[in-house]
Amino acid sequence: MKIQFNTDKTISGDERQQDYFVDMITDELNRFSSHITRIEAHLSDQNGKKEGLNDMLCMLEARLEGKQPMAVTCQADTTEKAVKGAINKLKTMLDTVIGKSQSNL
């Protein structure tokens, strides 16, 4: 499972922060790794430099073998909450999709 992490120009995407989020995604989605070929994470600040509630947006796109890509989003006050929320949504979606495909076998 390959993970590609992207940030917009208003978020400092230093290597330490990127490693932290990549490790978080890897740990949380490890049980699906045999089904996922790649995950793309996009982190952005919806208000730019201005302050605002729930202005951090995380979009996770999972590419599964033999299926269309799936994407989820989560908006929160902090980048960490946005990433965690998107991971939880993606886990729920993957449980459903993979569970259905395994029950059809």
C-alpha atoms as a PDB file:
ATOM      1  CA  MET A   1       0.000   0.000   0.000  1.00  0.00           C
ATOM      2  CA  LYS A   2       1.577   3.229  -1.192  1.00  0.00           C
ATOM      3  CA  ILE A   3       0.581   6.527   0.448  1.00  0.00           C
ATOM      4  CA  GLN A   4       0.972   9.880  -1.279  1.00  0.00           C
ATOM      5  CA  PHE A   5       0.520  12.931   0.974  1.00  0.00           C
ATOM      6  CA  ASN A   6      -0.182  16.416  -0.413  1.00  0.00           C
ATOM      7  CA  THR A   7      -0.811  19.796   1.224  1.00  0.00           C
ATOM      8  CA  ASP A   8      -1.917  23.112  -0.199  1.00  0.00           C
ATOM      9  CA  LYS A   9       0.328  26.182  -0.115  1.00  0.00           C
ATOM     10  CA  THR A  10      -1.113  27.500   3.173  1.00  0.00           C
ATOM     11  CA  ILE A  11      -0.179  24.387   5.178  1.00  0.00           C
ATOM     12  CA  SER A  12       3.456  23.776   5.939  1.00  0.00           C
ATOM     13  CA  GLY A  13       3.945  20.197   4.796  1.00  0.00           C
ATOM     14  CA  ASP A  14       7.300  19.555   6.415  1.00  0.00           C
ATOM     15  CA  GLU A  15       8.750  16.056   6.375  1.00  0.00           C
ATOM     16  CA  ARG A  16       8.090  15.388  10.071  1.00  0.00           C
ATOM     17  CA  GLN A  17       4.405  16.285   9.766  1.00  0.00           C
ATOM     18  CA  GLN A  18       4.086  14.259   6.579  1.00  0.00           C
ATOM     19  CA  ASP A  19       5.718  11.216   8.221  1.00  0.00           C
ATOM     20  CA  TYR A  20       3.371  11.554  11.207  1.00  0.00           C
ATOM     21  CA  PHE A  21       0.237  11.527   9.036  1.00  0.00           C
ATOM     22  CA  VAL A  22       1.523   8.775   6.727  1.00  0.00           C
ATOM     23  CA  ASP A  23       2.263   6.608   9.786  1.00  0.00           C
ATOM     24  CA  MET A  24      -1.208   7.356  11.185  1.00  0.00           C
ATOM     25  CA  ILE A  25      -2.891   6.364   7.905  1.00  0.00           C
ATOM     26  CA  THR A  26      -0.744   3.234   7.598  1.00  0.00           C
ATOM     27  CA  ASP A  27      -1.479   2.092  11.170  1.00  0.00           C
ATOM     28  CA  GLU A  28      -5.214   2.684  10.918  1.00  0.00           C
ATOM     29  CA  LEU A  29      -5.693   1.125   7.471  1.00  0.00           C
ATOM     30  CA  ASN A  30      -3.153  -1.692   7.753  1.00  0.00           C
ATOM     31  CA  ARG A  31      -5.800  -4.424   7.858  1.00  0.00           C
ATOM     32  CA  PHE A  32      -6.980  -3.341   4.395  1.00  0.00           C
ATOM     33  CA  SER A  33      -3.463  -3.216   2.889  1.00  0.00           C
ATOM     34  CA  SER A  34      -3.938  -6.378   0.832  1.00  0.00           C
ATOM     35  CA  HIS A  35      -6.848  -4.702  -1.001  1.00  0.00           C
ATOM     36  CA  ILE A  36      -5.482  -1.159  -1.346  1.00  0.00           C
ATOM     37  CA  THR A  37      -2.878  -0.321  -3.962  1.00  0.00           C
ATOM     38  CA  ARG A  38      -2.567   3.389  -3.160  1.00  0.00           C
ATOM     39  CA  ILE A  39      -3.967   6.095  -0.910  1.00  0.00           C
ATOM     40  CA  GLU A  40      -3.779   9.766  -1.791  1.00  0.00           C
ATOM     41  CA  ALA A  41      -4.189  12.247   1.060  1.00  0.00           C
ATOM     42  CA  HIS A  42      -4.902  15.909   0.338  1.00  0.00           C
ATOM     43  CA  LEU A  43      -4.814  18.373   3.224  1.00  0.00           C
ATOM     44  CA  SER A  44      -5.953  21.965   2.738  1.00  0.00           C
ATOM     45  CA  ASP A  45      -6.947  25.052   4.688  1.00  0.00           C
ATOM     46  CA  GLN A  46     -10.273  26.229   3.281  1.00  0.00           C
ATOM     47  CA  ASN A  47      -9.896  29.801   4.595  1.00  0.00           C
ATOM     48  CA  GLY A  48      -6.270  30.267   3.690  1.00  0.00           C
ATOM     49  CA  LYS A  49      -4.480  32.396   6.260  1.00  0.00           C
ATOM     50  CA  LYS A  50      -7.758  33.573   7.868  1.00  0.00           C
ATOM     51  CA  GLU A  51      -9.043  31.977  11.069  1.00  0.00           C
ATOM     52  CA  GLY A  52     -12.240  29.958  10.938  1.00  0.00           C
ATOM     53  CA  LEU A  53     -14.126  27.017  12.369  1.00  0.00           C
ATOM     54  CA  ASN A  54     -13.699  23.655  10.695  1.00  0.00           C
ATOM     55  CA  ASP A  55     -11.498  25.155   7.995  1.00  0.00           C
ATOM     56  CA  MET A  56      -9.065  22.225   7.686  1.00  0.00           C
ATOM     57  CA  LEU A  57     -10.110  19.732   5.024  1.00  0.00           C
ATOM     58  CA  CYS A  58      -8.681  16.264   4.555  1.00  0.00           C
ATOM     59  CA  MET A  59      -9.602  14.229   1.496  1.00  0.00           C
ATOM     60  CA  LEU A  60      -8.506  10.603   1.335  1.00  0.00           C
ATOM     61  CA  GLU A  61      -8.780   8.665  -1.893  1.00  0.00           C
ATOM     62  CA  ALA A  62      -8.262   4.910  -1.789  1.00  0.00           C
ATOM     63  CA  ARG A  63      -7.523   2.904  -4.912  1.00  0.00           C
ATOM     64  CA  LEU A  64      -8.518  -0.729  -4.628  1.00  0.00           C
ATOM     65  CA  GLU A  65      -7.532  -3.524  -6.960  1.00  0.00           C
ATOM     66  CA  GLY A  66     -10.193  -3.998  -9.630  1.00  0.00           C
ATOM     67  CA  LYS A  67     -12.515  -1.277  -8.303  1.00  0.00           C
ATOM     68  CA  GLN A  68     -13.151   2.414  -8.867  1.00  0.00           C
ATOM     69  CA  PRO A  69     -11.312   4.804  -6.528  1.00  0.00           C
ATOM     70  CA  MET A  70     -13.201   5.800  -3.381  1.00  0.00           C
ATOM     71  CA  ALA A  71     -12.893   9.177  -1.679  1.00  0.00           C
ATOM     72  CA  VAL A  72     -13.971  10.633   1.661  1.00  0.00           C
ATOM     73  CA  THR A  73     -13.577  14.083   3.175  1.00  0.00           C
ATOM     74  CA  CYS A  74     -13.584  15.492   6.673  1.00  0.00           C
ATOM     75  CA  GLN A  75     -13.492  19.092   7.866  1.00  0.00           C
ATOM     76  CA  ALA A  76     -12.275  19.961  11.363  1.00  0.00           C
ATOM     77  CA  ASP A  77     -10.594  22.661  13.448  1.00  0.00           C
ATOM     78  CA  THR A  78      -7.136  21.050  13.238  1.00  0.00           C
ATOM     79  CA  THR A  79      -5.253  19.081  10.633  1.00  0.00           C
ATOM     80  CA  GLU A  80      -4.971  16.094  12.973  1.00  0.00           C
ATOM     81  CA  LYS A  81      -8.729  15.969  13.628  1.00  0.00           C
ATOM     82  CA  ALA A  82      -9.432  16.280   9.900  1.00  0.00           C
ATOM     83  CA  VAL A  83      -7.079  13.402   9.049  1.00  0.00           C
ATOM     84  CA  LYS A  84      -8.450  11.187  11.853  1.00  0.00           C
ATOM     85  CA  GLY A  85     -12.034  11.899  10.808  1.00  0.00           C
ATOM     86  CA  ALA A  86     -11.293  11.072   7.168  1.00  0.00           C
ATOM     87  CA  ILE A  87      -9.542   7.847   8.207  1.00  0.00           C
ATOM     88  CA  ASN A  88     -12.581   6.782  10.248  1.00  0.00           C
ATOM     89  CA  LYS A  89     -14.921   7.486   7.337  1.00  0.00           C
ATOM     90  CA  LEU A  90     -12.659   5.559   4.950  1.00  0.00           C
ATOM     91  CA  LYS A  91     -12.468   2.566   7.323  1.00  0.00           C
ATOM     92  CA  THR A  92     -16.271   2.421   7.435  1.00  0.00           C
ATOM     93  CA  MET A  93     -16.481   2.612   3.644  1.00  0.00           C
ATOM     94  CA  LEU A  94     -13.802  -0.056   3.161  1.00  0.00           C
ATOM     95  CA  ASP A  95     -15.509  -2.390   5.659  1.00  0.00           C
ATOM     96  CA  THR A  96     -18.699  -2.095   3.627  1.00  0.00           C
ATOM     97  CA  VAL A  97     -17.152  -2.460   0.155  1.00  0.00           C
ATOM     98  CA  ILE A  98     -14.719  -5.244   1.021  1.00  0.00           C
ATOM     99  CA  GLY A  99     -17.324  -7.051   3.130  1.00  0.00           C
ATOM    100  CA  LYS A 100     -19.792  -7.023   0.226  1.00  0.00           C
ATOM    101  CA  SER A 101     -17.208  -8.275  -2.274  1.00  0.00           C
ATOM    102  CA  GLN A 102     -16.152 -11.115   0.063  1.00  0.00           C
ATOM    103  CA  SER A 103     -19.765 -12.169   0.697  1.00  0.00           C
ATOM    104  CA  ASN A 104     -20.314 -12.424  -3.078  1.00  0.00           C
ATOM    105  CA  LEU A 105     -17.581 -15.060  -3.404  1.00  0.00           C
END
